[in-house]
Amino acid sequence: MVFDYIDGAAGEELTARRNRAAFQHVLLKPEVLVDVSTRSSRTRLFGQDVAMPLVIGPTGLNGAAWGHGDLCIARVAARANIPFVMSTAATVGMREMDAAAGRLRWFQLYMLKDRGLATEFLKQIASYRFDVLQLTVDTAVGGRRNRDIRNGFTLPFRWTMANLVDAARHARWALQMARHGVPTLKVFADLLGGAAQGSTISDVMQQQISASFSWSDIQWLREQWDGKLVLKGLTTPTHARLAREVGADGAVVSNHGGRQLDGAGSTIEMLPAFRESAHDMTVLIDSGFRTGVDIAKAIALGADGVQLGRATLYGLAAKGEPGVARALEILGHEFDLAIALCGARTVEEMRGRYTISESRHLSEL
């Protein structure tokens, strides 16, 4: 049930599959007889030096994959000198995260219905030295994730006979849960003064998320938050223009990994037009990224960086903190090879080193 929570998506999972399939139609341009003996993956995001154009993006309920999973990811990101975005749906509190997080502290926010509570929450986030805020904007309602419904994956866990048998077949995972305790939405619990419960993970989140927050309300958030403001879940050139108009510092081109609207387009096919409309705004992208070559393609198409979701969660679920570190190591090595074989010595030199497959143009996907 935990694998399906991580691996699954909304509806028939058409968008999740499209996220992957679209990469085959973006072709990198190899280059030869270029001195690439000295090269670097370093870059800057929102004025911060980072080791490579990667961000470990916000993912919820990481403690279900591995005990204190959020802390495992944060420690690896700190050592790798890349940002980790703590989720509002984290299974550890901000005080615990404060001890594990490195200097690159980003936080993901779901806009709450109660503006007073939201204001206090923003003050708390700032007090723990988070300086980049990502507002997730594509969850006004929760997507229907059929695997979670079929498995009865709830918070707290609902122990049906099927789930008990499933847990018994995964002894290492069961021991992890026994040792660290059943995960809860700790940030929500601390904020609300009690545990949040619901029939599905989406329901738990939906209890407190505002479905009425709109473009005209972003100004209110901009006035409350002094740090960098990023809107996560944008996809179209119109979204890019509106984000600039409301004063956002950046955007994440994202379809939530296909976990919200099934039947939407992939993010990599939307990136070029979005980048053009974003002008000098920092543009990140997520959804469907699994390899360093995928990351190189996004950079070539104009992204400033890539946010990882499942790629590092698979590592976490397999082996905890060492698994996350190994996943990052593989991705970093693949990215370095890709840019070298494209004749690029820096992230910036990788821009534009792509073409579109003649068999399928991105606009036709």
Protein backbone atom coordinates (compact mmCIF):
# COMPACT_ATOMS: atom_id res chain seq x y z
CA MET A 1 0.00 0.00 0.00
CA VAL A 2 2.92 2.36 0.66
CA PHE A 3 4.50 1.56 -2.71
CA ASP A 4 1.20 2.32 -4.41
CA TYR A 5 0.94 5.62 -2.51
CA ILE A 6 4.38 6.67 -3.81
CA ASP A 7 4.14 5.16 -7.29
CA GLY A 8 0.47 5.79 -8.03
CA ALA A 9 -1.29 8.71 -9.67
CA ALA A 10 -4.78 9.99 -10.36
CA GLY A 11 -7.45 8.25 -12.40
CA GLU A 12 -6.15 5.87 -15.05
CA GLU A 13 -2.65 7.36 -14.54
CA LEU A 14 -2.56 8.63 -18.13
CA THR A 15 -0.78 11.86 -17.21
CA ALA A 16 1.81 10.02 -15.11
CA ARG A 17 2.64 7.81 -18.10
CA ARG A 18 2.65 10.79 -20.46
CA ASN A 19 5.15 12.55 -18.19
CA ARG A 20 7.59 9.75 -18.90
CA ALA A 21 6.75 9.13 -22.55
CA ALA A 22 7.27 12.76 -23.58
CA PHE A 23 10.99 12.64 -22.77
CA GLN A 24 11.70 10.33 -25.71
CA HIS A 25 10.69 13.10 -28.12
CA VAL A 26 13.20 15.60 -26.73
CA LEU A 27 16.58 14.75 -28.24
CA LEU A 28 19.88 16.04 -26.95
CA LYS A 29 22.50 17.29 -29.41
CA PRO A 30 25.81 15.45 -28.93
CA GLU A 31 28.99 17.43 -29.57
CA VAL A 32 32.53 16.18 -30.16
CA LEU A 33 36.07 17.53 -30.11
CA VAL A 34 35.28 19.97 -27.31
CA ASP A 35 37.51 20.25 -24.25
CA VAL A 36 35.24 19.11 -21.39
CA SER A 37 38.04 17.95 -19.12
CA THR A 38 37.03 20.63 -16.64
CA ARG A 39 33.30 21.06 -16.00
CA SER A 40 30.93 21.92 -13.20
CA SER A 41 27.29 21.21 -12.34
CA ARG A 42 27.12 24.17 -9.96
CA THR A 43 24.52 26.85 -10.46
CA ARG A 44 22.43 29.40 -8.55
CA LEU A 45 18.77 29.27 -7.57
CA PHE A 46 17.12 32.33 -6.02
CA GLY A 47 20.54 33.79 -5.31
CA GLN A 48 21.76 30.67 -3.54
CA ASP A 49 24.75 28.61 -4.67
CA VAL A 50 23.80 24.97 -5.22
CA ALA A 51 25.94 21.99 -6.21
CA MET A 52 23.74 21.02 -9.16
CA PRO A 53 20.44 22.15 -10.69
CA LEU A 54 18.43 19.82 -8.46
CA VAL A 55 15.94 20.35 -5.67
CA ILE A 56 14.41 17.57 -3.60
CA GLY A 57 10.81 18.67 -3.86
CA PRO A 58 8.02 18.47 -1.29
CA THR A 59 6.47 15.05 -0.78
CA GLY A 60 3.99 14.13 1.92
CA LEU A 61 3.94 11.28 4.40
CA ASN A 62 7.60 10.32 3.89
CA GLY A 63 7.56 8.61 7.27
CA ALA A 64 5.36 5.89 5.77
CA ALA A 65 8.24 4.86 3.49
CA TRP A 66 10.98 4.94 6.15
CA GLY A 67 11.11 5.97 9.79
CA HIS A 68 11.65 9.74 10.06
CA GLY A 69 11.88 9.82 6.27
CA ASP A 70 11.76 13.62 6.05
CA LEU A 71 14.87 13.89 8.23
CA CYS A 72 16.70 11.31 6.09
CA ILE A 73 16.03 13.34 2.96
CA ALA A 74 16.92 16.65 4.61
CA ARG A 75 20.27 15.37 5.86
CA VAL A 76 21.22 14.03 2.43
CA ALA A 77 20.24 17.31 0.75
CA ALA A 78 22.29 19.28 3.26
CA ARG A 79 25.39 17.18 2.58
CA ALA A 80 24.83 17.42 -1.18
CA ASN A 81 24.36 21.21 -0.97
CA ILE A 82 21.02 21.21 -2.75
CA PRO A 83 17.68 22.53 -1.44
CA PHE A 84 15.15 20.30 0.29
CA VAL A 85 11.56 21.53 0.31
CA MET A 86 9.82 20.58 3.54
CA SER A 87 6.18 19.69 2.96
CA THR A 88 3.20 20.92 4.93
CA ALA A 89 2.34 17.19 4.93
CA ALA A 90 5.63 16.24 6.61
CA THR A 91 5.64 13.54 9.27
CA VAL A 92 8.13 15.39 11.46
CA GLY A 93 7.72 18.78 13.08
CA MET A 94 9.61 21.92 12.16
CA ARG A 95 11.61 21.80 15.39
CA GLU A 96 12.93 18.35 14.46
CA MET A 97 13.62 19.52 10.93
CA ASP A 98 15.52 22.54 12.22
CA ALA A 99 18.19 20.24 13.63
CA ALA A 100 18.57 18.25 10.39
CA ALA A 101 18.16 20.86 7.66
CA GLY A 102 21.10 22.54 6.00
CA ARG A 103 21.43 26.17 4.92
CA LEU A 104 19.14 25.72 1.88
CA ARG A 105 15.76 25.70 3.62
CA TRP A 106 12.66 25.82 1.48
CA PHE A 107 9.09 25.19 2.61
CA GLN A 108 5.98 24.10 0.71
CA LEU A 109 2.67 25.67 1.72
CA TYR A 110 -0.92 24.63 1.16
CA MET A 111 -3.06 27.74 1.59
CA LEU A 112 -5.29 27.29 4.64
CA LYS A 113 -8.92 28.33 4.83
CA ASP A 114 -8.32 30.29 8.05
CA ARG A 115 -6.28 33.42 7.16
CA GLY A 116 -5.44 34.05 10.82
CA LEU A 117 -4.08 30.54 11.17
CA ALA A 118 -2.23 30.93 7.86
CA THR A 119 -0.60 34.15 9.11
CA GLU A 120 0.65 32.45 12.27
CA PHE A 121 1.86 29.51 10.20
CA LEU A 122 3.88 31.81 7.93
CA LYS A 123 5.50 33.46 10.97
CA GLN A 124 6.43 30.03 12.29
CA ILE A 125 7.93 29.01 8.95
CA ALA A 126 10.05 32.18 8.87
CA SER A 127 11.18 31.67 12.47
CA TYR A 128 12.81 28.38 11.45
CA ARG A 129 14.85 30.22 8.79
CA PHE A 130 13.05 28.93 5.71
CA ASP A 131 13.61 31.62 3.09
CA VAL A 132 11.97 30.19 -0.06
CA LEU A 133 8.25 29.49 0.11
CA GLN A 134 6.56 27.27 -2.48
CA LEU A 135 2.79 27.67 -2.62
CA THR A 136 1.16 24.60 -4.17
CA VAL A 137 -1.65 25.92 -6.36
CA ASP A 138 -3.01 22.81 -8.11
CA THR A 139 -4.81 21.20 -5.15
CA ALA A 140 -8.02 23.21 -4.76
CA VAL A 141 -9.59 19.75 -4.71
CA GLY A 142 -7.81 16.45 -4.29
CA GLY A 143 -7.25 14.12 -7.22
CA ARG A 144 -8.87 10.70 -7.15
CA ARG A 145 -6.00 8.27 -6.57
CA ASN A 146 -7.50 4.87 -7.21
CA ARG A 147 -4.66 2.80 -5.81
CA ASP A 148 -5.01 4.50 -2.40
CA ILE A 149 -8.75 3.95 -2.46
CA ARG A 150 -8.37 0.29 -3.46
CA ASN A 151 -5.77 -0.32 -0.73
CA GLY A 152 -7.71 1.56 1.93
CA PHE A 153 -4.59 3.67 2.52
CA THR A 154 -5.67 6.08 5.25
CA LEU A 155 -4.22 8.25 7.97
CA PRO A 156 -3.87 6.79 10.51
CA PHE A 157 -3.46 3.36 8.90
CA ARG A 158 -6.66 1.35 8.79
CA TRP A 159 -5.70 -2.23 9.54
CA THR A 160 -7.87 -4.39 7.34
CA MET A 161 -7.03 -8.07 6.97
CA ALA A 162 -5.51 -7.37 3.56
CA ASN A 163 -3.25 -4.64 4.94
CA LEU A 164 -2.20 -6.80 7.90
CA VAL A 165 -1.20 -9.58 5.53
CA ASP A 166 0.62 -7.03 3.34
CA ALA A 167 2.54 -5.68 6.34
CA ALA A 168 3.43 -9.18 7.52
CA ARG A 169 4.96 -9.88 4.10
CA HIS A 170 7.20 -6.83 4.49
CA ALA A 171 8.87 -7.49 7.83
CA ARG A 172 11.53 -4.80 7.52
CA TRP A 173 8.92 -2.14 6.91
CA ALA A 174 6.78 -3.42 9.80
CA LEU A 175 9.78 -3.25 12.13
CA GLN A 176 10.45 0.32 10.97
CA MET A 177 6.91 1.33 11.89
CA ALA A 178 7.17 -0.46 15.25
CA ARG A 179 10.46 1.28 16.02
CA HIS A 180 9.54 4.80 14.92
CA GLY A 181 5.78 4.79 15.38
CA VAL A 182 2.94 5.09 12.91
CA PRO A 183 3.40 8.31 10.89
CA THR A 184 1.06 11.26 11.28
CA LEU A 185 0.82 14.64 9.60
CA LYS A 186 2.99 16.18 12.30
CA VAL A 187 3.10 19.73 10.92
CA PHE A 188 -0.68 19.81 10.66
CA ALA A 189 -1.07 18.25 14.10
CA ASP A 190 1.24 20.81 15.70
CA LEU A 191 -0.48 23.65 13.88
CA LEU A 192 -4.00 22.53 14.73
CA GLY A 193 -3.24 21.28 18.21
CA GLY A 194 -4.42 17.75 17.40
CA ALA A 195 -4.21 14.93 14.91
CA ALA A 196 -5.90 15.35 11.54
CA GLN A 197 -7.74 12.28 10.29
CA GLY A 198 -9.69 11.38 7.19
CA SER A 199 -10.76 8.55 4.93
CA THR A 200 -7.89 9.11 2.45
CA ILE A 201 -4.68 11.10 2.36
CA SER A 202 -6.32 13.60 0.01
CA ASP A 203 -9.24 14.00 2.44
CA VAL A 204 -6.86 14.75 5.31
CA MET A 205 -5.26 17.55 3.33
CA GLN A 206 -8.57 18.83 1.99
CA GLN A 207 -9.96 19.48 5.47
CA GLN A 208 -7.78 22.55 5.82
CA ILE A 209 -6.89 23.62 2.26
CA SER A 210 -8.70 26.61 0.82
CA ALA A 211 -10.59 25.92 -2.42
CA SER A 212 -11.31 29.62 -2.91
CA PHE A 213 -7.75 31.05 -2.92
CA SER A 214 -7.23 32.74 -6.30
CA TRP A 215 -4.80 34.90 -8.27
CA SER A 216 -6.24 38.01 -6.65
CA ASP A 217 -5.34 36.61 -3.21
CA ILE A 218 -1.65 36.14 -3.99
CA GLN A 219 -1.05 39.79 -3.13
CA TRP A 220 -2.15 39.03 0.44
CA LEU A 221 0.40 36.21 0.66
CA ARG A 222 3.08 38.40 -0.91
CA GLU A 223 2.49 40.98 1.85
CA GLN A 224 2.78 38.32 4.57
CA TRP A 225 5.96 36.69 3.27
CA ASP A 226 9.29 38.54 3.03
CA GLY A 227 11.28 35.75 1.39
CA LYS A 228 11.22 34.33 -2.12
CA LEU A 229 7.76 33.23 -3.27
CA VAL A 230 7.37 30.37 -5.75
CA LEU A 231 4.11 29.11 -7.24
CA LYS A 232 4.10 25.33 -7.74
CA GLY A 233 1.66 23.72 -10.15
CA LEU A 234 1.71 26.13 -13.11
CA THR A 235 1.74 24.82 -16.67
CA THR A 236 0.78 27.39 -19.32
CA PRO A 237 2.26 30.63 -20.68
CA THR A 238 -0.75 32.46 -19.23
CA HIS A 239 0.15 31.07 -15.79
CA ALA A 240 3.70 32.37 -16.25
CA ARG A 241 2.47 35.85 -17.14
CA LEU A 242 0.07 35.98 -14.20
CA ALA A 243 2.76 34.76 -11.82
CA ARG A 244 5.00 37.62 -12.88
CA GLU A 245 2.17 40.11 -12.50
CA VAL A 246 1.40 39.06 -8.91
CA GLY A 247 5.03 39.35 -7.88
CA ALA A 248 6.14 35.71 -7.71
CA ASP A 249 9.89 35.17 -7.78
CA GLY A 250 9.64 31.77 -9.42
CA ALA A 251 7.44 28.96 -10.61
CA VAL A 252 7.46 25.19 -10.70
CA VAL A 253 6.07 23.78 -13.94
CA SER A 254 4.25 20.82 -12.40
CA ASN A 255 1.26 18.56 -12.79
CA HIS A 256 1.83 17.03 -9.35
CA GLY A 257 3.40 13.96 -10.91
CA GLY A 258 0.08 13.14 -12.53
CA ARG A 259 -1.53 12.85 -9.09
CA GLN A 260 -4.18 15.55 -9.59
CA LEU A 261 -5.79 16.00 -13.03
CA ASP A 262 -5.57 12.84 -15.09
CA GLY A 263 -5.55 13.56 -18.82
CA ALA A 264 -3.37 16.70 -18.61
CA GLY A 265 -0.24 17.18 -20.69
CA SER A 266 3.29 16.44 -19.55
CA THR A 267 5.43 19.16 -18.02
CA ILE A 268 8.42 18.73 -20.34
CA GLU A 269 6.25 19.43 -23.39
CA MET A 270 4.90 22.60 -21.73
CA LEU A 271 8.30 23.90 -20.64
CA PRO A 272 9.49 25.80 -23.75
CA ALA A 273 6.39 28.02 -24.04
CA PHE A 274 6.32 28.54 -20.28
CA ARG A 275 9.98 29.54 -20.23
CA GLU A 276 9.42 32.11 -22.96
CA SER A 277 6.58 33.78 -21.04
CA ALA A 278 8.39 33.61 -17.69
CA HIS A 279 11.08 36.07 -18.83
CA ASP A 280 13.63 36.42 -16.00
CA MET A 281 11.58 34.54 -13.41
CA THR A 282 13.27 31.42 -12.01
CA VAL A 283 11.65 28.34 -13.56
CA LEU A 284 11.81 24.90 -11.98
CA ILE A 285 10.10 21.78 -13.29
CA ASP A 286 9.00 18.43 -11.87
CA SER A 287 6.82 15.41 -12.75
CA GLY A 288 8.27 12.35 -14.44
CA PHE A 289 11.99 12.94 -13.91
CA ARG A 290 13.89 9.70 -13.31
CA THR A 291 17.37 10.07 -14.83
CA GLY A 292 20.19 12.54 -15.18
CA VAL A 293 19.51 12.66 -18.92
CA ASP A 294 15.93 13.80 -18.14
CA ILE A 295 17.43 16.59 -16.05
CA ALA A 296 19.81 17.58 -18.85
CA LYS A 297 16.88 17.79 -21.27
CA ALA A 298 15.01 20.15 -18.93
CA ILE A 299 18.04 22.39 -18.62
CA ALA A 300 18.47 22.40 -22.39
CA LEU A 301 14.82 23.42 -22.78
CA GLY A 302 15.27 26.37 -20.43
CA ALA A 303 14.57 25.22 -16.88
CA ASP A 304 16.77 26.66 -14.14
CA GLY A 305 16.46 23.48 -12.11
CA VAL A 306 14.56 20.22 -11.64
CA GLN A 307 12.59 19.20 -8.57
CA LEU A 308 12.70 15.53 -7.70
CA GLY A 309 9.83 13.59 -6.19
CA ARG A 310 9.55 9.86 -6.74
CA ALA A 311 13.20 9.51 -7.85
CA THR A 312 14.49 10.09 -4.32
CA LEU A 313 11.45 8.54 -2.61
CA TYR A 314 12.23 5.20 -4.24
CA GLY A 315 15.72 5.45 -2.73
CA LEU A 316 14.26 6.35 0.65
CA ALA A 317 11.85 3.42 0.61
CA ALA A 318 14.60 1.01 -0.45
CA LYS A 319 17.28 1.92 2.08
CA GLY A 320 16.50 5.05 4.04
CA GLU A 321 19.13 7.78 4.15
CA PRO A 322 21.80 5.80 2.22
CA GLY A 323 19.18 5.06 -0.45
CA VAL A 324 18.44 8.75 -0.96
CA ALA A 325 22.18 9.50 -1.14
CA ARG A 326 22.68 6.74 -3.71
CA ALA A 327 19.80 8.01 -5.85
CA LEU A 328 21.30 11.51 -5.88
CA GLU A 329 24.73 10.10 -6.70
CA ILE A 330 23.37 8.24 -9.71
CA LEU A 331 21.40 11.25 -10.96
CA GLY A 332 24.36 13.58 -10.53
CA HIS A 333 26.69 11.23 -12.39
CA GLU A 334 24.24 10.76 -15.25
CA PHE A 335 23.72 14.51 -15.55
CA ASP A 336 27.47 15.14 -15.62
CA LEU A 337 27.94 12.57 -18.39
CA ALA A 338 25.06 14.02 -20.40
CA ILE A 339 26.35 17.58 -20.40
CA ALA A 340 29.91 16.43 -21.16
CA LEU A 341 28.75 14.42 -24.18
CA CYS A 342 26.79 17.47 -25.35
CA GLY A 343 30.00 19.50 -25.24
CA ALA A 344 28.89 21.62 -22.26
CA ARG A 345 31.19 22.48 -19.39
CA THR A 346 28.63 24.31 -17.27
CA VAL A 347 24.91 24.26 -16.67
CA GLU A 348 24.56 27.50 -18.59
CA GLU A 349 26.34 26.05 -21.64
CA MET A 350 23.73 23.28 -21.74
CA ARG A 351 20.99 25.72 -22.77
CA GLY A 352 19.52 25.07 -26.20
CA ARG A 353 21.37 21.80 -26.84
CA TYR A 354 18.29 19.90 -27.91
CA THR A 355 16.05 19.19 -30.85
CA ILE A 356 12.56 17.72 -31.15
CA SER A 357 12.04 14.31 -32.70
CA GLU A 358 10.70 14.67 -36.24
CA SER A 359 8.27 11.81 -35.60
CA ARG A 360 6.42 13.69 -32.86
CA HIS A 361 6.53 17.38 -32.10
CA LEU A 362 5.89 18.36 -28.49
CA SER A 363 2.82 20.34 -29.48
CA GLU A 364 1.35 17.16 -30.96
CA LEU A 365 1.82 15.01 -27.85
